[in-house]
PDB file of N, CA and C in Angstrom:
ATOM      1  N   UNK A   1      95.027 103.889 107.081  1.00  0.00           N
ATOM      2  CA  UNK A   1      94.459 103.517 105.795  1.00  0.00           C
ATOM      3  C   UNK A   1      95.523 102.842 104.949  1.00  0.00           C
ATOM      4  N   UNK A   2      95.073 101.901 104.139  1.00  0.00           N
ATOM      5  CA  UNK A   2      95.951 101.203 103.212  1.00  0.00           C
ATOM      6  C   UNK A   2      95.489 101.533 101.798  1.00  0.00           C
ATOM      7  N   UNK A   3      96.373 102.097 100.998  1.00  0.00           N
ATOM      8  CA  UNK A   3      96.066 102.456  99.619  1.00  0.00           C
ATOM      9  C   UNK A   3      96.632 101.370  98.706  1.00  0.00           C
ATOM     10  N   UNK A   4      95.741 100.680  97.986  1.00  0.00           N
ATOM     11  CA  UNK A   4      96.144  99.595  97.095  1.00  0.00           C
ATOM     12  C   UNK A   4      96.129 100.145  95.671  1.00  0.00           C
ATOM     13  N   UNK A   5      97.308 100.218  95.075  1.00  0.00           N
ATOM     14  CA  UNK A   5      97.406 100.794  93.735  1.00  0.00           C
ATOM     15  C   UNK A   5      96.843  99.844  92.695  1.00  0.00           C
ATOM     16  N   UNK A   6      96.807 100.297  91.464  1.00  0.00           N
ATOM     17  CA  UNK A   6      96.151  99.598  90.371  1.00  0.00           C
ATOM     18  C   UNK A   6      96.496  98.122  90.240  1.00  0.00           C
ATOM     19  N   UNK A   7      95.474  97.298  90.339  1.00  0.00           N
ATOM     20  CA  UNK A   7      95.620  95.854  90.193  1.00  0.00           C
ATOM     21  C   UNK A   7      94.953  95.442  88.888  1.00  0.00           C
ATOM     22  N   UNK A   8      95.729  94.864  87.984  1.00  0.00           N
ATOM     23  CA  UNK A   8      95.196  94.414  86.707  1.00  0.00           C
ATOM     24  C   UNK A   8      95.045  92.885  86.734  1.00  0.00           C
ATOM     25  N   UNK A   9      94.277  92.311  85.806  1.00  0.00           N
ATOM     26  CA  UNK A   9      94.042  90.861  85.830  1.00  0.00           C
ATOM     27  C   UNK A   9      95.201  90.059  85.231  1.00  0.00           C
ATOM     28  N   UNK A  10      96.347  90.159  85.865  1.00  0.00           N
ATOM     29  CA  UNK A  10      97.538  89.438  85.426  1.00  0.00           C
ATOM     30  C   UNK A  10      97.573  88.082  86.125  1.00  0.00           C
ATOM     31  N   UNK A  11      97.621  87.014  85.343  1.00  0.00           N
ATOM     32  CA  UNK A  11      97.683  85.663  85.890  1.00  0.00           C
ATOM     33  C   UNK A  11      99.140  85.352  86.217  1.00  0.00           C
ATOM     34  N   UNK A  12      99.522  85.268  87.501  1.00  0.00           N
ATOM     35  CA  UNK A  12     100.930  85.095  87.868  1.00  0.00           C
ATOM     36  C   UNK A  12     101.640  83.890  87.248  1.00  0.00           C
ATOM     37  N   UNK A  13     101.017  82.701  87.182  1.00  0.00           N
ATOM     38  CA  UNK A  13     101.752  81.571  86.597  1.00  0.00           C
ATOM     39  C   UNK A  13     102.129  81.766  85.127  1.00  0.00           C
ATOM     40  N   UNK A  14     101.235  82.401  84.360  1.00  0.00           N
ATOM     41  CA  UNK A  14     101.506  82.561  82.928  1.00  0.00           C
ATOM     42  C   UNK A  14     102.010  83.950  82.563  1.00  0.00           C
ATOM     43  N   UNK A  15     101.828  84.912  83.480  1.00  0.00           N
ATOM     44  CA  UNK A  15     102.169  86.321  83.242  1.00  0.00           C
ATOM     45  C   UNK A  15     101.392  86.900  82.057  1.00  0.00           C
ATOM     46  N   UNK A  16     100.191  86.382  81.850  1.00  0.00           N
ATOM     47  CA  UNK A  16      99.314  86.877  80.792  1.00  0.00           C
ATOM     48  C   UNK A  16      98.110  87.569  81.412  1.00  0.00           C
ATOM     49  N   UNK A  17      97.560  88.506  80.659  1.00  0.00           N
ATOM     50  CA  UNK A  17      96.361  89.221  81.089  1.00  0.00           C
ATOM     51  C   UNK A  17      95.131  88.364  80.797  1.00  0.00           C
ATOM     52  N   UNK A  18      94.283  88.196  81.807  1.00  0.00           N
ATOM     53  CA  UNK A  18      92.986  87.545  81.634  1.00  0.00           C
ATOM     54  C   UNK A  18      91.999  88.679  81.349  1.00  0.00           C
ATOM     55  N   UNK A  19      91.730  88.949  80.093  1.00  0.00           N
ATOM     56  CA  UNK A  19      91.050  90.166  79.647  1.00  0.00           C
ATOM     57  C   UNK A  19      89.756  90.515  80.384  1.00  0.00           C
ATOM     58  N   UNK A  20      88.857  89.593  80.530  1.00  0.00           N
ATOM     59  CA  UNK A  20      87.551  89.931  81.105  1.00  0.00           C
ATOM     60  C   UNK A  20      87.443  89.577  82.578  1.00  0.00           C
ATOM     61  N   UNK A  21      88.559  89.460  83.278  1.00  0.00           N
ATOM     62  CA  UNK A  21      88.534  88.980  84.657  1.00  0.00           C
ATOM     63  C   UNK A  21      88.669  90.091  85.684  1.00  0.00           C
ATOM     64  N   UNK A  22      87.569  90.759  85.956  1.00  0.00           N
ATOM     65  CA  UNK A  22      87.550  91.745  87.029  1.00  0.00           C
ATOM     66  C   UNK A  22      87.776  91.040  88.367  1.00  0.00           C
ATOM     67  N   UNK A  23      87.291  89.819  88.484  1.00  0.00           N
ATOM     68  CA  UNK A  23      87.462  89.048  89.712  1.00  0.00           C
ATOM     69  C   UNK A  23      88.944  88.863  90.061  1.00  0.00           C
ATOM     70  N   UNK A  24      89.777  88.643  89.063  1.00  0.00           N
ATOM     71  CA  UNK A  24      91.208  88.476  89.300  1.00  0.00           C
ATOM     72  C   UNK A  24      91.832  89.776  89.818  1.00  0.00           C
ATOM     73  N   UNK A  25      91.350  90.914  89.329  1.00  0.00           N
ATOM     74  CA  UNK A  25      91.823  92.213  89.854  1.00  0.00           C
ATOM     75  C   UNK A  25      91.538  92.300  91.348  1.00  0.00           C
ATOM     76  N   UNK A  26      90.316  91.924  91.739  1.00  0.00           N
ATOM     77  CA  UNK A  26      89.946  91.964  93.152  1.00  0.00           C
ATOM     78  C   UNK A  26      90.731  90.946  93.967  1.00  0.00           C
ATOM     79  N   UNK A  27      90.975  89.772  93.410  1.00  0.00           N
ATOM     80  CA  UNK A  27      91.783  88.777  94.120  1.00  0.00           C
ATOM     81  C   UNK A  27      93.161  89.341  94.453  1.00  0.00           C
ATOM     82  N   UNK A  28      93.764  90.043  93.494  1.00  0.00           N
ATOM     83  CA  UNK A  28      95.079  90.651  93.733  1.00  0.00           C
ATOM     84  C   UNK A  28      94.995  91.729  94.825  1.00  0.00           C
ATOM     85  N   UNK A  29      93.967  92.569  94.748  1.00  0.00           N
ATOM     86  CA  UNK A  29      93.794  93.626  95.754  1.00  0.00           C
ATOM     87  C   UNK A  29      93.577  93.012  97.137  1.00  0.00           C
ATOM     88  N   UNK A  30      92.746  91.969  97.226  1.00  0.00           N
ATOM     89  CA  UNK A  30      92.491  91.310  98.504  1.00  0.00           C
ATOM     90  C   UNK A  30      93.775  90.706  99.069  1.00  0.00           C
ATOM     91  N   UNK A  31      94.620  90.160  98.204  1.00  0.00           N
ATOM     92  CA  UNK A  31      95.898  89.593  98.655  1.00  0.00           C
ATOM     93  C   UNK A  31      96.800  90.657  99.264  1.00  0.00           C
ATOM     94  N   UNK A  32      96.819  91.835  98.648  1.00  0.00           N
ATOM     95  CA  UNK A  32      97.624  92.938  99.187  1.00  0.00           C
ATOM     96  C   UNK A  32      97.108  93.325 100.567  1.00  0.00           C
ATOM     97  N   UNK A  33      95.793  93.429 100.704  1.00  0.00           N
ATOM     98  CA  UNK A  33      95.195  93.806 101.988  1.00  0.00           C
ATOM     99  C   UNK A  33      95.489  92.741 103.049  1.00  0.00           C
ATOM    100  N   UNK A  34      95.350  91.473 102.693  1.00  0.00           N
ATOM    101  CA  UNK A  34      95.643  90.392 103.637  1.00  0.00           C
ATOM    102  C   UNK A  34      97.104  90.399 104.063  1.00  0.00           C
ATOM    103  N   UNK A  35      97.990  90.782 103.162  1.00  0.00           N
ATOM    104  CA  UNK A  35      99.423  90.806 103.492  1.00  0.00           C
ATOM    105  C   UNK A  35      99.745  91.827 104.578  1.00  0.00           C
ATOM    106  N   UNK A  36      98.811  92.732 104.833  1.00  0.00           N
ATOM    107  CA  UNK A  36      99.014  93.747 105.856  1.00  0.00           C
ATOM    108  C   UNK A  36      98.327  93.385 107.169  1.00  0.00           C
ATOM    109  N   UNK A  37      97.933  92.116 107.303  1.00  0.00           N
ATOM    110  CA  UNK A  37      97.406  91.637 108.582  1.00  0.00           C
ATOM    111  C   UNK A  37      95.896  91.602 108.706  1.00  0.00           C
ATOM    112  N   UNK A  38      95.183  91.963 107.667  1.00  0.00           N
ATOM    113  CA  UNK A  38      93.723  91.881 107.717  1.00  0.00           C
ATOM    114  C   UNK A  38      93.330  90.421 107.480  1.00  0.00           C
ATOM    115  N   UNK A  39      92.476  89.888 108.326  1.00  0.00           N
ATOM    116  CA  UNK A  39      92.058  88.495 108.195  1.00  0.00           C
ATOM    117  C   UNK A  39      91.199  88.317 106.939  1.00  0.00           C
ATOM    118  N   UNK A  40      91.318  87.153 106.278  1.00  0.00           N
ATOM    119  CA  UNK A  40      90.580  86.918 105.030  1.00  0.00           C
ATOM    120  C   UNK A  40      89.081  87.206 105.120  1.00  0.00           C
ATOM    121  N   UNK A  41      88.449  86.852 106.239  1.00  0.00           N
ATOM    122  CA  UNK A  41      87.008  87.072 106.363  1.00  0.00           C
ATOM    123  C   UNK A  41      86.642  88.539 106.604  1.00  0.00           C
ATOM    124  N   UNK A  42      87.638  89.394 106.855  1.00  0.00           N
ATOM    125  CA  UNK A  42      87.381  90.812 107.108  1.00  0.00           C
ATOM    126  C   UNK A  42      87.818  91.716 105.958  1.00  0.00           C
ATOM    127  N   UNK A  43      88.393  91.149 104.927  1.00  0.00           N
ATOM    128  CA  UNK A  43      88.940  91.965 103.837  1.00  0.00           C
ATOM    129  C   UNK A  43      87.862  92.811 103.173  1.00  0.00           C
ATOM    130  N   UNK A  44      86.761  92.198 102.739  1.00  0.00           N
ATOM    131  CA  UNK A  44      85.710  92.962 102.050  1.00  0.00           C
ATOM    132  C   UNK A  44      85.172  94.094 102.925  1.00  0.00           C
ATOM    133  N   UNK A  45      85.005  93.833 104.212  1.00  0.00           N
ATOM    134  CA  UNK A  45      84.483  94.856 105.122  1.00  0.00           C
ATOM    135  C   UNK A  45      85.478  95.987 105.345  1.00  0.00           C
ATOM    136  N   UNK A  46      86.764  95.711 105.155  1.00  0.00           N
ATOM    137  CA  UNK A  46      87.782  96.741 105.398  1.00  0.00           C
ATOM    138  C   UNK A  46      87.876  97.751 104.259  1.00  0.00           C
ATOM    139  N   UNK A  47      87.344  97.424 103.095  1.00  0.00           N
ATOM    140  CA  UNK A  47      87.452  98.322 101.942  1.00  0.00           C
ATOM    141  C   UNK A  47      86.455  99.464 102.089  1.00  0.00           C
ATOM    142  N   UNK A  48      86.970 100.696 102.058  1.00  0.00           N
ATOM    143  CA  UNK A  48      86.111 101.866 102.215  1.00  0.00           C
ATOM    144  C   UNK A  48      85.873 102.591 100.894  1.00  0.00           C
ATOM    145  N   UNK A  49      86.724 102.352  99.896  1.00  0.00           N
ATOM    146  CA  UNK A  49      86.523 102.982  98.592  1.00  0.00           C
ATOM    147  C   UNK A  49      87.166 102.128  97.508  1.00  0.00           C
ATOM    148  N   UNK A  50      86.455 101.983  96.399  1.00  0.00           N
ATOM    149  CA  UNK A  50      86.953 101.210  95.269  1.00  0.00           C
ATOM    150  C   UNK A  50      86.795 102.029  93.999  1.00  0.00           C
ATOM    151  N   UNK A  51      87.833 102.082  93.192  1.00  0.00           N
ATOM    152  CA  UNK A  51      87.767 102.704  91.876  1.00  0.00           C
ATOM    153  C   UNK A  51      88.067 101.626  90.848  1.00  0.00           C
ATOM    154  N   UNK A  52      87.202 101.521  89.866  1.00  0.00           N
ATOM    155  CA  UNK A  52      87.413 100.563  88.789  1.00  0.00           C
ATOM    156  C   UNK A  52      87.600 101.340  87.498  1.00  0.00           C
ATOM    157  N   UNK A  53      88.721 101.100  86.843  1.00  0.00           N
ATOM    158  CA  UNK A  53      88.984 101.695  85.543  1.00  0.00           C
ATOM    159  C   UNK A  53      88.614 100.656  84.493  1.00  0.00           C
ATOM    160  N   UNK A  54      87.837 101.065  83.502  1.00  0.00           N
ATOM    161  CA  UNK A  54      87.345 100.163  82.469  1.00  0.00           C
ATOM    162  C   UNK A  54      87.860 100.648  81.116  1.00  0.00           C
ATOM    163  N   UNK A  55      88.555  99.771  80.390  1.00  0.00           N
ATOM    164  CA  UNK A  55      89.040 100.127  79.060  1.00  0.00           C
ATOM    165  C   UNK A  55      87.857 100.321  78.122  1.00  0.00           C
ATOM    166  N   UNK A  56      88.065 101.130  77.100  1.00  0.00           N
ATOM    167  CA  UNK A  56      86.988 101.514  76.181  1.00  0.00           C
ATOM    168  C   UNK A  56      86.144 100.372  75.650  1.00  0.00           C
ATOM    169  N   UNK A  57      86.743  99.247  75.366  1.00  0.00           N
ATOM    170  CA  UNK A  57      85.989  98.160  74.744  1.00  0.00           C
ATOM    171  C   UNK A  57      85.404  97.150  75.725  1.00  0.00           C
ATOM    172  N   UNK A  58      85.626  97.323  77.003  1.00  0.00           N
ATOM    173  CA  UNK A  58      85.153  96.357  78.006  1.00  0.00           C
ATOM    174  C   UNK A  58      83.773  96.759  78.543  1.00  0.00           C
ATOM    175  N   UNK A  59      82.950  95.765  78.899  1.00  0.00           N
ATOM    176  CA  UNK A  59      81.642  96.080  79.489  1.00  0.00           C
ATOM    177  C   UNK A  59      81.801  96.597  80.919  1.00  0.00           C
ATOM    178  N   UNK A  60      80.845  97.423  81.350  1.00  0.00           N
ATOM    179  CA  UNK A  60      80.872  97.889  82.725  1.00  0.00           C
ATOM    180  C   UNK A  60      80.564  96.722  83.653  1.00  0.00           C
ATOM    181  N   UNK A  61      81.233  96.672  84.817  1.00  0.00           N
ATOM    182  CA  UNK A  61      81.023  95.561  85.749  1.00  0.00           C
ATOM    183  C   UNK A  61      79.716  95.706  86.514  1.00  0.00           C
ATOM    184  N   UNK A  62      79.141  94.578  86.968  1.00  0.00           N
ATOM    185  CA  UNK A  62      77.958  94.661  87.834  1.00  0.00           C
ATOM    186  C   UNK A  62      78.364  95.265  89.173  1.00  0.00           C
ATOM    187  N   UNK A  63      77.605  96.227  89.663  1.00  0.00           N
ATOM    188  CA  UNK A  63      78.021  96.971  90.852  1.00  0.00           C
ATOM    189  C   UNK A  63      77.699  96.275  92.169  1.00  0.00           C
ATOM    190  N   UNK A  64      76.812  95.316  92.181  1.00  0.00           N
ATOM    191  CA  UNK A  64      76.416  94.700  93.448  1.00  0.00           C
ATOM    192  C   UNK A  64      77.527  93.874  94.081  1.00  0.00           C
ATOM    193  N   UNK A  65      78.533  93.480  93.298  1.00  0.00           N
ATOM    194  CA  UNK A  65      79.603  92.641  93.823  1.00  0.00           C
ATOM    195  C   UNK A  65      80.816  93.431  94.288  1.00  0.00           C
ATOM    196  N   UNK A  66      80.732  94.743  94.263  1.00  0.00           N
ATOM    197  CA  UNK A  66      81.902  95.572  94.520  1.00  0.00           C
ATOM    198  C   UNK A  66      81.841  96.135  95.929  1.00  0.00           C
ATOM    199  N   UNK A  67      82.967  96.036  96.641  1.00  0.00           N
ATOM    200  CA  UNK A  67      83.040  96.485  98.024  1.00  0.00           C
ATOM    201  C   UNK A  67      83.261  97.985  98.129  1.00  0.00           C
ATOM    202  N   UNK A  68      82.752  98.597  99.187  1.00  0.00           N
ATOM    203  CA  UNK A  68      83.012  99.994  99.493  1.00  0.00           C
ATOM    204  C   UNK A  68      82.378 100.964  98.509  1.00  0.00           C
ATOM    205  N   UNK A  69      82.608 102.242  98.731  1.00  0.00           N
ATOM    206  CA  UNK A  69      82.157 103.290  97.828  1.00  0.00           C
ATOM    207  C   UNK A  69      82.749 103.022  96.457  1.00  0.00           C
ATOM    208  N   UNK A  70      81.950 103.136  95.406  1.00  0.00           N
ATOM    209  CA  UNK A  70      82.411 102.774  94.075  1.00  0.00           C
ATOM    210  C   UNK A  70      82.515 103.972  93.148  1.00  0.00           C
ATOM    211  N   UNK A  71      83.591 103.982  92.403  1.00  0.00           N
ATOM    212  CA  UNK A  71      83.768 104.922  91.309  1.00  0.00           C
ATOM    213  C   UNK A  71      84.150 104.067  90.110  1.00  0.00           C
ATOM    214  N   UNK A  72      83.425 104.201  89.028  1.00  0.00           N
ATOM    215  CA  UNK A  72      83.747 103.460  87.808  1.00  0.00           C
ATOM    216  C   UNK A  72      84.005 104.481  86.717  1.00  0.00           C
ATOM    217  N   UNK A  73      85.177 104.359  86.086  1.00  0.00           N
ATOM    218  CA  UNK A  73      85.566 105.322  85.054  1.00  0.00           C
ATOM    219  C   UNK A  73      85.994 104.586  83.794  1.00  0.00           C
ATOM    220  N   UNK A  74      85.517 105.058  82.650  1.00  0.00           N
ATOM    221  CA  UNK A  74      85.963 104.517  81.375  1.00  0.00           C
ATOM    222  C   UNK A  74      87.218 105.280  80.966  1.00  0.00           C
ATOM    223  N   UNK A  75      88.233 104.533  80.533  1.00  0.00           N
ATOM    224  CA  UNK A  75      89.505 105.140  80.138  1.00  0.00           C
ATOM    225  C   UNK A  75      89.895 104.658  78.739  1.00  0.00           C
ATOM    226  N   UNK A  76      90.789 105.375  78.110  1.00  0.00           N
ATOM    227  CA  UNK A  76      91.235 105.026  76.759  1.00  0.00           C
ATOM    228  C   UNK A  76      91.937 103.671  76.724  1.00  0.00           C
ATOM    229  N   UNK A  77      92.880 103.460  77.653  1.00  0.00           N
ATOM    230  CA  UNK A  77      93.610 102.189  77.688  1.00  0.00           C
ATOM    231  C   UNK A  77      94.184 101.969  79.081  1.00  0.00           C
ATOM    232  N   UNK A  78      94.586 100.729  79.340  1.00  0.00           N
ATOM    233  CA  UNK A  78      95.170 100.353  80.623  1.00  0.00           C
ATOM    234  C   UNK A  78      96.491  99.635  80.389  1.00  0.00           C
ATOM    235  N   UNK A  79      97.324  99.513  81.415  1.00  0.00           N
ATOM    236  CA  UNK A  79      98.611  98.832  81.262  1.00  0.00           C
ATOM    237  C   UNK A  79      98.457  97.421  80.686  1.00  0.00           C
ATOM    238  N   UNK A  80      99.352  97.077  79.811  1.00  0.00           N
ATOM    239  CA  UNK A  80      99.424  95.753  79.185  1.00  0.00           C
ATOM    240  C   UNK A  80      98.144  95.366  78.452  1.00  0.00           C
ATOM    241  N   UNK A  81      97.339  96.368  78.088  1.00  0.00           N
ATOM    242  CA  UNK A  81      96.122  96.098  77.332  1.00  0.00           C
ATOM    243  C   UNK A  81      95.001  95.487  78.147  1.00  0.00           C
ATOM    244  N   UNK A  82      95.071  95.607  79.462  1.00  0.00           N
ATOM    245  CA  UNK A  82      94.041  95.032  80.339  1.00  0.00           C
ATOM    246  C   UNK A  82      92.687  95.696  80.102  1.00  0.00           C
ATOM    247  N   UNK A  83      91.624  94.954  80.408  1.00  0.00           N
ATOM    248  CA  UNK A  83      90.268  95.490  80.298  1.00  0.00           C
ATOM    249  C   UNK A  83      89.851  96.244  81.550  1.00  0.00           C
ATOM    250  N   UNK A  84      90.396  95.815  82.712  1.00  0.00           N
ATOM    251  CA  UNK A  84      90.020  96.409  83.992  1.00  0.00           C
ATOM    252  C   UNK A  84      91.252  96.671  84.847  1.00  0.00           C
ATOM    253  N   UNK A  85      91.109  97.662  85.732  1.00  0.00           N
ATOM    254  CA  UNK A  85      92.122  97.916  86.770  1.00  0.00           C
ATOM    255  C   UNK A  85      91.367  98.343  88.015  1.00  0.00           C
ATOM    256  N   UNK A  86      91.766  97.812  89.167  1.00  0.00           N
ATOM    257  CA  UNK A  86      91.097  98.119  90.430  1.00  0.00           C
ATOM    258  C   UNK A  86      92.077  98.848  91.355  1.00  0.00           C
ATOM    259  N   UNK A  87      91.590  99.929  91.939  1.00  0.00           N
ATOM    260  CA  UNK A  87      92.314 100.693  92.946  1.00  0.00           C
ATOM    261  C   UNK A  87      91.386 100.759  94.156  1.00  0.00           C
ATOM    262  N   UNK A  88      91.915 100.523  95.351  1.00  0.00           N
ATOM    263  CA  UNK A  88      91.025 100.608  96.511  1.00  0.00           C
ATOM    264  C   UNK A  88      91.763 101.143  97.737  1.00  0.00           C
ATOM    265  N   UNK A  89      90.957 101.548  98.705  1.00  0.00           N
ATOM    266  CA  UNK A  89      91.447 102.034  99.985  1.00  0.00           C
ATOM    267  C   UNK A  89      90.790 101.169 101.053  1.00  0.00           C
ATOM    268  N   UNK A  90      91.612 100.643 101.956  1.00  0.00           N
ATOM    269  CA  UNK A  90      91.102  99.791 103.028  1.00  0.00           C
ATOM    270  C   UNK A  90      91.446 100.410 104.383  1.00  0.00           C
ATOM    271  N   UNK A  91      90.584 100.165 105.334  1.00  0.00           N
ATOM    272  CA  UNK A  91      90.818 100.611 106.700  1.00  0.00           C
ATOM    273  C   UNK A  91      91.562  99.487 107.440  1.00  0.00           C
ATOM    274  N   UNK A  92      92.676  99.845 108.062  1.00  0.00           N
ATOM    275  CA  UNK A  92      93.471  98.814 108.749  1.00  0.00           C
ATOM    276  C   UNK A  92      93.259  98.865 110.245  1.00  0.00           C
TER     277      UNK A  92
END
């Protein structure tokens, strides 16, 4: 199993948080999984559990786009003031 720790929507070129970009959190998580030898077309299928942390003021994400077993939790705050953080477990 591969445990991918909290991925926030940090835009690498600017080093700024993209506040409403849950997609960017997943892009970062997918990159970590791919770096461990999982082929790009198999990344989504390899995820067995996903936890999404949602800051108090952010809307809940649509669940149909999320891979694996889902846990969504509202939290007081996230690192660097992010709206979302994604944690997942992938099967290698």
